[in-house]
Amino acid sequence: MSPSHNSRRLAVTAAAAALLTVAPLGVTAAHAQVTRVRQGSATDASRASWSGPAYTMNGSGGIVTATMTRAVDAIRGGTGAIDVVVVAGSGSGTPECDVITPLAGVNSCTTLTLTATADGNNSQVNADIRNAEFVYFAGGDQCRYVAWKGTALEASVESVVAKGGGVGGGSAGHHVNSDVVYDACTASTTSATALANPYDRSLTFTTGMFRWPNYAGTINDSHFVTRDRMGRTIAFVARAVKDGLVAGGKAWGVGVEEGASLYVDRAGRATLSGPSAYVVLGDHQPEVAVSGQPLTYTGVKIWKLTDGQSYDFANRPTCGYYLRSVRAGVPDSSLYSGTPVTDCSTTPPPSGGSSYAEVEPNDSRTAANNISGLTFPATVTGDMKSTADRDYFSLTLGSGQTLTVNCAVPSAYDADLYLLSATGSTLTRSVNDGAGTDESVTLTRTASGSATYHLDLEAYAGSGTADYACAITKS
């Protein structure tokens, strides 16, 4: 630290009575403590209204001055000054406030280091947050942050956004600001681990903490390219869709590279400052997302942003993405770049799911390949590897829809086709005799609502590696 920096810091702390230790509510001073350091003015800014919200989503823990400056200017509407609070779950020092305090339009910056869940109910902490116009979650451990869900701190941060202020965060602080939070409370996962088993113990999530306007259905990830996290983000998205953690059956991963920051304005438009960021959309059920089995998820849509480019979270685009897939835990090559679809008005976007090759093991209803996300008509292929092989596929059918399945069976074996209810009851079947004999079933759903059905193709005689091909239509 340079002498001039030391001098400035000493002047700031002297003026603001900077370093205070505050015992949390219900906890004695001999136990966990909150460390509070205030820089800048000792008096909070005050005015009737603010012009946010504004958000900064950073790929690493440090402040990116370009987006922080934009957020400050947006919240203060170009006049006056705002108060900023930095919330940290560990560490010492004030690296974020050291960068924020000198920025134009900043009245004060207070660093709060909280070391226990109970600190979320500390009266001084919540007073500082509610009096601020921007709250920044530092890097560290997002599991510490989600522990404050349901405490007064959660409501205090939400009140800042509600009054026209803003929030942000970097690394762990970026994670906690998404709709679905990858909390890493058991372990930090890697792409290899997540794709090999999307239900590995290292994949844990927290929902219901913060839901910022225009940012629903998101799962943030950080240090994105440097730590090769595209694969794990695809697994996060698959889990969110499969487990119903998001509404509408769609989840958006938001991966930001180290040194990069997304500035999200009050209208929901995110603009990148820095190297790169990615939006990863899963808009259908994963074909295979089962505990203990490798992930299969085809047709995932990926938008790549470079410095200065934008993504509109309020009006989420239907073009500009490239497609990538994961099959049996193995991702496509070149996950971080691709040729985007740029004109959906003249070129229909690739469905990413008009055909599907079975992924073993799919020998029971519980292990069925989920093909609900395919674009119909669709073609499903596979083979009868043994005389005991059974291949299951699950899909949904709405009220009034007619499902028709026509399976072309190779001459190497005789296979029979069954259509089952969600509970396994046979609704209709096709059991034509003879190797190479095709099978067909059809069914119209007359009940209200939609329901899950299972296709069961099973070997009756013979086996082989020659593929069957089932054409599936809904009308």
Protein backbone atom coordinates (compact mmCIF):
# COMPACT_ATOMS: atom_id res chain seq x y z
CA MET A 1 0.00 0.00 0.00
CA SER A 2 1.49 3.37 -1.01
CA PRO A 3 2.03 6.20 1.54
CA SER A 4 -0.59 8.33 -0.21
CA HIS A 5 -3.13 5.47 0.06
CA ASN A 6 -2.28 5.09 3.76
CA SER A 7 -2.74 8.81 4.31
CA ARG A 8 -6.10 8.82 2.54
CA ARG A 9 -7.29 5.79 4.52
CA LEU A 10 -6.21 7.32 7.84
CA ALA A 11 -8.00 10.54 7.00
CA VAL A 12 -11.16 8.69 6.01
CA THR A 13 -11.24 6.50 9.11
CA ALA A 14 -10.57 9.42 11.42
CA ALA A 15 -13.36 11.46 9.87
CA ALA A 16 -15.89 8.64 9.95
CA ALA A 17 -14.95 6.86 13.19
CA ALA A 18 -14.26 4.04 10.79
CA LEU A 19 -13.50 0.82 12.64
CA LEU A 20 -16.21 -0.52 14.91
CA THR A 21 -16.95 -4.01 16.20
CA VAL A 22 -20.62 -4.65 16.81
CA ALA A 23 -21.88 -7.73 18.67
CA PRO A 24 -24.75 -9.44 16.81
CA LEU A 25 -28.18 -9.58 18.36
CA GLY A 26 -28.34 -12.39 20.90
CA VAL A 27 -24.61 -13.06 20.74
CA THR A 28 -22.06 -11.83 23.25
CA ALA A 29 -18.99 -9.89 22.15
CA ALA A 30 -16.83 -12.88 23.10
CA HIS A 31 -18.42 -14.86 20.27
CA ALA A 32 -18.89 -14.13 16.56
CA GLN A 33 -18.68 -10.43 15.75
CA VAL A 34 -19.57 -8.13 12.91
CA THR A 35 -16.73 -5.92 11.73
CA ARG A 36 -17.87 -2.57 10.38
CA VAL A 37 -15.64 -0.15 8.50
CA ARG A 38 -17.12 3.05 7.05
CA GLN A 39 -15.30 5.22 4.53
CA GLY A 40 -16.34 8.61 3.23
CA SER A 41 -19.02 10.75 4.83
CA ALA A 42 -20.22 9.85 8.32
CA THR A 43 -23.70 11.11 7.38
CA ASP A 44 -26.01 9.15 5.07
CA ALA A 45 -27.33 10.73 1.91
CA SER A 46 -31.05 11.42 2.05
CA ARG A 47 -33.66 12.25 -0.55
CA ALA A 48 -37.22 11.28 -1.45
CA SER A 49 -36.59 8.99 -4.42
CA TRP A 50 -33.90 7.21 -6.40
CA SER A 51 -33.76 6.26 -10.08
CA GLY A 52 -32.76 2.56 -10.07
CA PRO A 53 -32.78 -0.31 -9.77
CA ALA A 54 -29.40 -1.15 -11.26
CA TYR A 55 -27.30 -4.29 -10.90
CA THR A 56 -23.71 -5.42 -11.44
CA MET A 57 -22.99 -9.13 -11.92
CA ASN A 58 -19.22 -9.78 -11.80
CA GLY A 59 -17.31 -12.89 -12.79
CA SER A 60 -14.72 -12.44 -10.05
CA GLY A 61 -14.78 -10.74 -6.67
CA GLY A 62 -13.30 -7.37 -7.51
CA ILE A 63 -15.17 -4.20 -8.43
CA VAL A 64 -15.31 -3.40 -12.15
CA THR A 65 -15.28 0.38 -12.18
CA ALA A 66 -17.03 0.70 -15.56
CA THR A 67 -20.21 -1.06 -14.41
CA MET A 68 -20.06 0.24 -10.85
CA THR A 69 -19.89 3.80 -12.18
CA ARG A 70 -22.88 3.15 -14.44
CA ALA A 71 -24.87 1.76 -11.51
CA VAL A 72 -24.03 4.73 -9.26
CA ASP A 73 -24.99 7.22 -11.97
CA ALA A 74 -28.22 5.40 -12.79
CA ILE A 75 -29.36 5.22 -9.16
CA ARG A 76 -28.63 8.86 -8.37
CA GLY A 77 -30.12 10.00 -11.67
CA GLY A 78 -27.02 12.02 -12.44
CA THR A 79 -27.26 14.22 -9.35
CA GLY A 80 -26.39 13.88 -5.68
CA ALA A 81 -24.53 10.95 -4.12
CA ILE A 82 -25.36 7.48 -2.82
CA ASP A 83 -24.28 5.29 0.07
CA VAL A 84 -22.88 1.83 -0.65
CA VAL A 85 -22.63 -1.20 1.64
CA VAL A 86 -20.30 -4.12 0.93
CA VAL A 87 -21.33 -7.38 2.63
CA ALA A 88 -18.64 -10.03 3.15
CA GLY A 89 -18.82 -13.41 4.85
CA SER A 90 -15.13 -13.68 5.67
CA GLY A 91 -11.77 -12.01 5.28
CA SER A 92 -10.42 -8.69 6.42
CA GLY A 93 -9.70 -5.33 4.86
CA THR A 94 -11.86 -3.23 2.58
CA PRO A 95 -10.74 -3.92 -1.02
CA GLU A 96 -14.15 -3.20 -2.58
CA CYS A 97 -14.76 0.06 -0.70
CA ASP A 98 -11.20 1.16 -1.48
CA VAL A 99 -12.24 1.18 -5.15
CA ILE A 100 -15.82 2.42 -4.68
CA THR A 101 -15.25 5.33 -2.27
CA PRO A 102 -13.29 7.56 -4.73
CA LEU A 103 -15.91 7.16 -7.50
CA ALA A 104 -17.92 10.23 -8.41
CA GLY A 105 -21.36 10.18 -6.82
CA VAL A 106 -20.41 8.01 -3.82
CA ASN A 107 -21.18 9.56 -0.44
CA SER A 108 -19.90 6.66 1.67
CA CYS A 109 -18.94 3.00 1.49
CA THR A 110 -19.31 0.70 4.50
CA THR A 111 -17.78 -2.78 4.67
CA LEU A 112 -19.68 -5.25 6.87
CA THR A 113 -17.97 -8.57 7.57
CA LEU A 114 -20.49 -11.05 8.99
CA THR A 115 -19.28 -14.35 10.42
CA ALA A 116 -22.46 -16.08 11.64
CA THR A 117 -26.00 -16.73 10.46
CA ALA A 118 -27.34 -14.70 13.39
CA ASP A 119 -25.50 -11.67 12.04
CA GLY A 120 -28.27 -11.35 9.46
CA ASN A 121 -30.46 -10.05 12.30
CA ASN A 122 -27.91 -7.57 13.67
CA SER A 123 -29.60 -4.18 14.10
CA GLN A 124 -26.57 -2.11 13.02
CA VAL A 125 -26.07 -4.28 9.93
CA ASN A 126 -29.68 -3.86 8.86
CA ALA A 127 -29.70 -0.14 9.57
CA ASP A 128 -26.62 0.30 7.38
CA ILE A 129 -28.15 -1.74 4.55
CA ARG A 130 -31.54 -0.02 4.63
CA ASN A 131 -29.89 3.41 4.63
CA ALA A 132 -27.76 2.49 1.60
CA GLU A 133 -28.63 2.77 -2.08
CA PHE A 134 -26.41 -0.05 -3.31
CA VAL A 135 -25.44 -3.38 -1.70
CA TYR A 136 -22.49 -5.35 -3.05
CA PHE A 137 -21.86 -8.97 -2.01
CA ALA A 138 -18.12 -9.67 -1.97
CA GLY A 139 -16.43 -12.82 -3.18
CA GLY A 140 -15.94 -15.71 -0.80
CA ASP A 141 -18.39 -18.49 0.01
CA GLN A 142 -21.98 -18.27 -1.23
CA CYS A 143 -23.02 -20.92 1.31
CA ARG A 144 -22.44 -18.29 4.01
CA TYR A 145 -24.67 -15.88 2.11
CA VAL A 146 -27.63 -18.21 1.60
CA ALA A 147 -27.59 -18.87 5.36
CA TRP A 148 -29.05 -15.34 5.69
CA LYS A 149 -32.18 -16.38 3.81
CA GLY A 150 -35.13 -15.59 6.06
CA THR A 151 -33.18 -13.19 8.29
CA ALA A 152 -33.78 -9.46 8.46
CA LEU A 153 -30.84 -8.97 6.09
CA GLU A 154 -32.76 -10.54 3.19
CA ALA A 155 -35.64 -8.08 3.60
CA SER A 156 -33.24 -5.17 4.08
CA VAL A 157 -31.45 -5.87 0.79
CA GLU A 158 -34.79 -6.20 -0.98
CA SER A 159 -35.84 -2.82 0.43
CA VAL A 160 -32.84 -1.19 -1.24
CA VAL A 161 -33.95 -2.39 -4.66
CA ALA A 162 -37.57 -1.48 -3.92
CA LYS A 163 -36.68 2.15 -3.23
CA GLY A 164 -34.77 2.47 -6.52
CA GLY A 165 -31.32 1.45 -5.38
CA GLY A 166 -29.33 -1.54 -6.58
CA VAL A 167 -27.39 -4.68 -5.80
CA GLY A 168 -24.37 -6.47 -7.18
CA GLY A 169 -21.74 -9.00 -6.41
CA GLY A 170 -18.68 -10.81 -7.63
CA SER A 171 -17.82 -14.52 -7.62
CA ALA A 172 -19.80 -15.85 -4.62
CA GLY A 173 -21.61 -12.51 -4.56
CA HIS A 174 -22.59 -13.03 -8.19
CA HIS A 175 -24.01 -16.46 -7.36
CA VAL A 176 -26.25 -15.23 -4.55
CA ASN A 177 -27.97 -12.67 -6.79
CA SER A 178 -29.56 -15.20 -9.14
CA ASP A 179 -33.04 -16.69 -8.87
CA VAL A 180 -31.64 -20.20 -8.27
CA VAL A 181 -28.38 -20.12 -6.30
CA TYR A 182 -25.74 -22.79 -6.73
CA ASP A 183 -24.78 -22.68 -3.05
CA ALA A 184 -21.82 -25.14 -2.96
CA CYS A 185 -22.73 -25.98 0.62
CA THR A 186 -21.32 -29.52 0.46
CA ALA A 187 -18.47 -29.04 -2.02
CA SER A 188 -17.57 -27.02 -5.09
CA THR A 189 -18.31 -29.02 -8.21
CA THR A 190 -16.48 -29.16 -11.55
CA SER A 191 -17.83 -29.58 -15.06
CA ALA A 192 -16.51 -33.15 -15.21
CA THR A 193 -18.21 -34.13 -11.96
CA ALA A 194 -21.51 -32.43 -12.78
CA LEU A 195 -21.77 -33.97 -16.25
CA ALA A 196 -20.84 -37.44 -14.98
CA ASN A 197 -23.62 -37.26 -12.39
CA PRO A 198 -25.88 -34.17 -12.25
CA TYR A 199 -27.09 -35.36 -8.83
CA ASP A 200 -23.63 -35.59 -7.30
CA ARG A 201 -23.56 -34.39 -3.67
CA SER A 202 -21.63 -31.30 -4.78
CA LEU A 203 -24.66 -29.96 -6.70
CA THR A 204 -26.87 -28.21 -4.14
CA PHE A 205 -29.15 -25.24 -4.68
CA THR A 206 -31.01 -22.58 -2.71
CA THR A 207 -34.18 -20.98 -4.04
CA GLY A 208 -36.44 -18.24 -2.75
CA MET A 209 -33.80 -15.82 -1.50
CA PHE A 210 -33.65 -12.95 -4.01
CA ARG A 211 -35.75 -12.57 -7.16
CA TRP A 212 -34.83 -9.37 -8.91
CA PRO A 213 -37.13 -7.77 -11.51
CA ASN A 214 -36.58 -9.18 -15.04
CA TYR A 215 -34.07 -11.76 -13.70
CA ALA A 216 -36.34 -14.73 -12.96
CA GLY A 217 -35.28 -18.26 -13.88
CA THR A 218 -31.54 -17.51 -13.71
CA ILE A 219 -28.61 -19.45 -12.25
CA ASN A 220 -25.39 -17.43 -12.05
CA ASP A 221 -21.89 -18.86 -12.42
CA SER A 222 -18.50 -17.16 -12.17
CA HIS A 223 -14.83 -17.51 -13.24
CA PHE A 224 -16.50 -19.00 -16.26
CA VAL A 225 -13.99 -19.66 -19.04
CA THR A 226 -10.88 -19.65 -16.86
CA ARG A 227 -12.22 -22.51 -14.74
CA ASP A 228 -14.08 -24.25 -17.61
CA ARG A 229 -17.52 -24.02 -16.04
CA MET A 230 -19.77 -24.29 -19.11
CA GLY A 231 -20.34 -28.01 -18.49
CA ARG A 232 -21.41 -27.54 -14.90
CA THR A 233 -23.69 -24.63 -15.85
CA ILE A 234 -25.44 -26.89 -18.37
CA ALA A 235 -25.88 -29.40 -15.53
CA PHE A 236 -27.24 -26.64 -13.25
CA VAL A 237 -29.76 -25.69 -15.94
CA ALA A 238 -30.76 -29.34 -16.45
CA ARG A 239 -31.32 -29.77 -12.71
CA ALA A 240 -33.35 -26.57 -12.45
CA VAL A 241 -35.66 -27.70 -15.25
CA LYS A 242 -35.87 -31.35 -14.17
CA ASP A 243 -36.48 -30.56 -10.48
CA GLY A 244 -38.95 -27.75 -11.10
CA LEU A 245 -36.75 -25.10 -9.47
CA VAL A 246 -37.86 -22.58 -12.12
CA ALA A 247 -41.25 -21.62 -13.49
CA GLY A 248 -42.31 -22.46 -17.02
CA GLY A 249 -39.83 -25.27 -17.60
CA LYS A 250 -37.02 -22.93 -18.68
CA ALA A 251 -33.78 -21.96 -16.94
CA TRP A 252 -31.08 -19.48 -17.95
CA GLY A 253 -27.50 -19.98 -16.79
CA VAL A 254 -25.57 -16.69 -16.63
CA GLY A 255 -21.83 -17.33 -16.72
CA VAL A 256 -19.47 -14.36 -16.39
CA GLU A 257 -15.74 -14.58 -16.99
CA GLU A 258 -13.10 -13.30 -14.58
CA GLY A 259 -12.63 -9.54 -14.88
CA ALA A 260 -15.96 -9.15 -16.69
CA SER A 261 -19.15 -7.57 -15.38
CA LEU A 262 -22.74 -7.39 -16.57
CA TYR A 263 -24.48 -4.09 -15.89
CA VAL A 264 -28.24 -4.69 -15.79
CA ASP A 265 -30.38 -1.57 -16.07
CA ARG A 266 -33.85 -0.93 -14.68
CA ALA A 267 -35.40 -2.13 -17.96
CA GLY A 268 -33.66 -5.53 -17.69
CA ARG A 269 -31.03 -4.96 -20.37
CA ALA A 270 -27.63 -6.44 -19.47
CA THR A 271 -24.53 -4.96 -21.10
CA LEU A 272 -21.11 -6.54 -20.74
CA SER A 273 -17.91 -4.82 -19.73
CA GLY A 274 -14.88 -7.08 -20.05
CA PRO A 275 -13.84 -10.30 -21.78
CA SER A 276 -16.96 -12.49 -22.09
CA ALA A 277 -20.22 -13.69 -20.62
CA TYR A 278 -22.63 -16.45 -21.63
CA VAL A 279 -26.37 -17.01 -21.32
CA VAL A 280 -27.20 -20.73 -21.39
CA LEU A 281 -30.86 -21.62 -21.98
CA GLY A 282 -32.44 -24.97 -21.26
CA ASP A 283 -35.98 -24.72 -22.63
CA HIS A 284 -36.94 -28.39 -22.46
CA GLN A 285 -36.55 -31.37 -20.17
CA PRO A 286 -33.14 -33.07 -20.20
CA GLU A 287 -33.27 -36.45 -21.91
CA VAL A 288 -31.33 -38.15 -19.10
CA ALA A 289 -30.90 -36.49 -15.71
CA VAL A 290 -30.89 -39.29 -13.17
CA SER A 291 -28.89 -39.76 -9.99
CA GLY A 292 -25.77 -41.82 -10.63
CA GLN A 293 -25.97 -41.56 -14.44
CA PRO A 294 -24.20 -39.23 -16.89
CA LEU A 295 -26.19 -36.28 -18.17
CA THR A 296 -27.73 -36.21 -21.62
CA TYR A 297 -29.11 -32.83 -22.63
CA THR A 298 -29.37 -31.94 -26.29
CA GLY A 299 -30.10 -28.67 -28.03
CA VAL A 300 -28.98 -26.29 -25.28
CA LYS A 301 -29.04 -22.70 -26.56
CA ILE A 302 -26.02 -20.49 -25.81
CA TRP A 303 -25.59 -16.75 -26.32
CA LYS A 304 -22.04 -15.42 -26.16
CA LEU A 305 -21.47 -11.78 -25.21
CA THR A 306 -18.27 -9.87 -25.74
CA ASP A 307 -17.32 -6.39 -24.49
CA GLY A 308 -20.12 -3.90 -25.17
CA GLN A 309 -22.72 -6.46 -26.25
CA SER A 310 -26.11 -6.82 -24.55
CA TYR A 311 -28.75 -9.39 -23.62
CA ASP A 312 -32.30 -8.29 -22.84
CA PHE A 313 -33.60 -10.20 -19.78
CA ALA A 314 -36.96 -8.40 -19.94
CA ASN A 315 -37.58 -9.48 -23.55
CA ARG A 316 -35.45 -12.59 -23.84
CA PRO A 317 -34.29 -13.14 -27.40
CA THR A 318 -35.21 -16.08 -29.61
CA CYS A 319 -32.25 -15.63 -31.95
CA GLY A 320 -28.52 -15.12 -31.66
CA TYR A 321 -27.68 -18.40 -29.96
CA TYR A 322 -25.67 -21.41 -31.05
CA LEU A 323 -26.56 -24.98 -30.07
CA ARG A 324 -24.56 -27.44 -28.02
CA SER A 325 -25.38 -30.84 -26.52
CA VAL A 326 -24.16 -33.24 -23.87
CA ARG A 327 -24.58 -36.96 -24.53
CA ALA A 328 -23.88 -39.54 -21.84
CA GLY A 329 -21.78 -36.99 -19.96
CA VAL A 330 -19.67 -36.01 -22.98
CA PRO A 331 -20.16 -32.42 -24.19
CA ASP A 332 -19.80 -31.26 -27.76
CA SER A 333 -16.52 -29.66 -28.68
CA SER A 334 -16.13 -25.87 -28.82
CA LEU A 335 -18.56 -25.14 -26.00
CA TYR A 336 -17.44 -21.51 -25.81
CA SER A 337 -18.03 -20.50 -29.41
CA GLY A 338 -20.33 -21.27 -32.30
CA THR A 339 -22.15 -19.86 -35.31
CA PRO A 340 -25.31 -18.17 -34.04
CA VAL A 341 -28.76 -18.15 -35.54
CA THR A 342 -29.21 -14.46 -36.32
CA ASP A 343 -32.48 -14.12 -38.26
CA CYS A 344 -35.39 -16.17 -36.98
CA SER A 345 -37.81 -14.32 -39.25
CA THR A 346 -36.37 -16.01 -42.34
CA THR A 347 -34.50 -18.96 -40.84
CA PRO A 348 -36.43 -21.04 -38.30
CA PRO A 349 -34.22 -21.70 -35.28
CA PRO A 350 -32.80 -25.22 -35.09
CA SER A 351 -34.96 -27.24 -32.75
CA GLY A 352 -32.05 -29.10 -31.23
CA GLY A 353 -34.37 -32.03 -30.68
CA SER A 354 -36.12 -33.29 -33.83
CA SER A 355 -34.21 -36.56 -33.53
CA TYR A 356 -32.93 -38.47 -30.56
CA ALA A 357 -30.69 -41.51 -30.08
CA GLU A 358 -31.44 -43.62 -27.00
CA VAL A 359 -29.06 -43.41 -24.06
CA GLU A 360 -28.59 -46.54 -21.98
CA PRO A 361 -29.45 -47.56 -19.34
CA ASN A 362 -33.12 -46.82 -20.08
CA ASP A 363 -34.50 -50.23 -19.13
CA SER A 364 -37.23 -49.07 -16.74
CA ARG A 365 -39.77 -46.28 -16.39
CA THR A 366 -37.68 -44.60 -13.69
CA ALA A 367 -34.66 -44.56 -16.05
CA ALA A 368 -36.64 -43.57 -19.15
CA ASN A 369 -35.08 -41.18 -21.65
CA ASN A 370 -37.14 -38.00 -21.39
CA ILE A 371 -38.06 -36.86 -24.90
CA SER A 372 -40.67 -34.28 -23.88
CA GLY A 373 -38.44 -31.45 -25.08
CA LEU A 374 -38.15 -32.69 -28.68
CA THR A 375 -39.80 -30.80 -31.51
CA PHE A 376 -42.48 -33.02 -33.01
CA PRO A 377 -42.66 -34.79 -35.39
CA ALA A 378 -39.55 -36.42 -34.01
CA THR A 379 -37.53 -39.57 -34.70
CA VAL A 380 -36.18 -41.76 -31.91
CA THR A 381 -33.58 -44.43 -32.67
CA GLY A 382 -32.00 -47.25 -30.69
CA ASP A 383 -31.38 -50.98 -30.78
CA MET A 384 -32.17 -54.19 -28.92
CA LYS A 385 -28.79 -55.07 -27.46
CA SER A 386 -29.97 -58.34 -25.97
CA THR A 387 -33.04 -60.59 -25.98
CA ALA A 388 -33.96 -59.03 -22.61
CA ASP A 389 -33.50 -55.40 -23.68
CA ARG A 390 -36.29 -52.90 -23.01
CA ASP A 391 -36.04 -49.23 -24.04
CA TYR A 392 -38.24 -46.67 -22.28
CA PHE A 393 -38.96 -43.11 -23.39
CA SER A 394 -41.17 -40.61 -21.56
CA LEU A 395 -43.14 -37.72 -23.05
CA THR A 396 -46.18 -35.59 -22.30
CA LEU A 397 -49.52 -35.32 -24.09
CA GLY A 398 -52.06 -32.53 -23.65
CA SER A 399 -55.82 -32.69 -23.63
CA GLY A 400 -57.20 -33.43 -27.09
CA GLN A 401 -53.79 -34.35 -28.54
CA THR A 402 -53.30 -37.53 -30.53
CA LEU A 403 -50.02 -39.41 -30.25
CA THR A 404 -48.95 -41.66 -33.12
CA VAL A 405 -45.82 -43.82 -33.02
CA ASN A 406 -44.60 -45.83 -36.03
CA CYS A 407 -41.49 -47.96 -35.41
CA ALA A 408 -39.47 -49.41 -38.27
CA VAL A 409 -37.84 -52.57 -36.89
CA PRO A 410 -34.73 -54.08 -38.56
CA SER A 411 -34.64 -57.71 -39.70
CA ALA A 412 -32.18 -58.68 -36.94
CA TYR A 413 -34.89 -58.92 -34.28
CA ASP A 414 -38.58 -58.90 -33.39
CA ALA A 415 -39.55 -56.02 -31.10
CA ASP A 416 -42.93 -55.14 -29.54
CA LEU A 417 -44.21 -51.64 -28.76
CA TYR A 418 -46.23 -50.62 -25.70
CA LEU A 419 -47.71 -47.28 -24.67
CA LEU A 420 -47.94 -47.01 -20.88
CA SER A 421 -49.49 -44.57 -18.43
CA ALA A 422 -47.33 -42.70 -15.93
CA THR A 423 -47.96 -45.49 -13.42
CA GLY A 424 -47.04 -48.26 -15.88
CA SER A 425 -50.48 -49.47 -17.00
CA THR A 426 -50.61 -50.64 -20.63
CA LEU A 427 -52.90 -48.32 -22.59
CA THR A 428 -52.31 -49.79 -26.04
CA ARG A 429 -49.75 -52.03 -27.69
CA SER A 430 -48.47 -53.40 -31.02
CA VAL A 431 -47.14 -56.98 -30.99
CA ASN A 432 -46.90 -58.00 -34.64
CA ASP A 433 -45.12 -61.30 -35.17
CA GLY A 434 -41.82 -61.76 -37.00
CA ALA A 435 -38.33 -60.26 -37.16
CA GLY A 436 -38.26 -57.00 -39.06
CA THR A 437 -42.01 -56.45 -38.64
CA ASP A 438 -42.92 -52.82 -37.94
CA GLU A 439 -45.00 -51.76 -34.93
CA SER A 440 -47.44 -48.83 -34.50
CA VAL A 441 -49.62 -47.39 -31.75
CA THR A 442 -51.91 -44.39 -31.51
CA LEU A 443 -53.80 -42.76 -28.64
CA THR A 444 -55.86 -39.60 -28.12
CA ARG A 445 -55.88 -38.01 -24.69
CA THR A 446 -59.47 -37.06 -23.80
CA ALA A 447 -58.93 -36.08 -20.15
CA SER A 448 -58.26 -32.48 -19.22
CA GLY A 449 -54.74 -31.18 -18.65
CA SER A 450 -51.53 -32.89 -19.69
CA ALA A 451 -50.01 -36.16 -18.51
CA THR A 452 -46.83 -38.18 -18.83
CA TYR A 453 -46.76 -41.35 -20.95
CA HIS A 454 -44.07 -43.95 -21.54
CA LEU A 455 -43.13 -45.72 -24.76
CA ASP A 456 -41.73 -49.19 -24.11
CA LEU A 457 -40.00 -50.98 -26.97
CA GLU A 458 -38.88 -54.43 -25.94
CA ALA A 459 -37.15 -57.38 -27.55
CA TYR A 460 -39.41 -60.37 -28.21
CA ALA A 461 -36.92 -62.47 -30.17
CA GLY A 462 -33.37 -61.85 -31.38
CA SER A 463 -31.10 -58.87 -30.81
CA GLY A 464 -28.49 -56.81 -32.64
CA THR A 465 -26.86 -53.46 -33.19
CA ALA A 466 -29.06 -52.44 -36.12
CA ASP A 467 -31.18 -49.43 -35.21
CA TYR A 468 -34.93 -49.26 -35.01
CA ALA A 469 -36.42 -45.88 -35.91
CA CYS A 470 -39.66 -44.66 -34.33
CA ALA A 471 -41.44 -41.72 -35.96
CA ILE A 472 -43.46 -39.87 -33.30
CA THR A 473 -46.11 -37.28 -34.04
CA LYS A 474 -48.53 -35.22 -31.95
CA SER A 475 -51.61 -33.71 -33.57
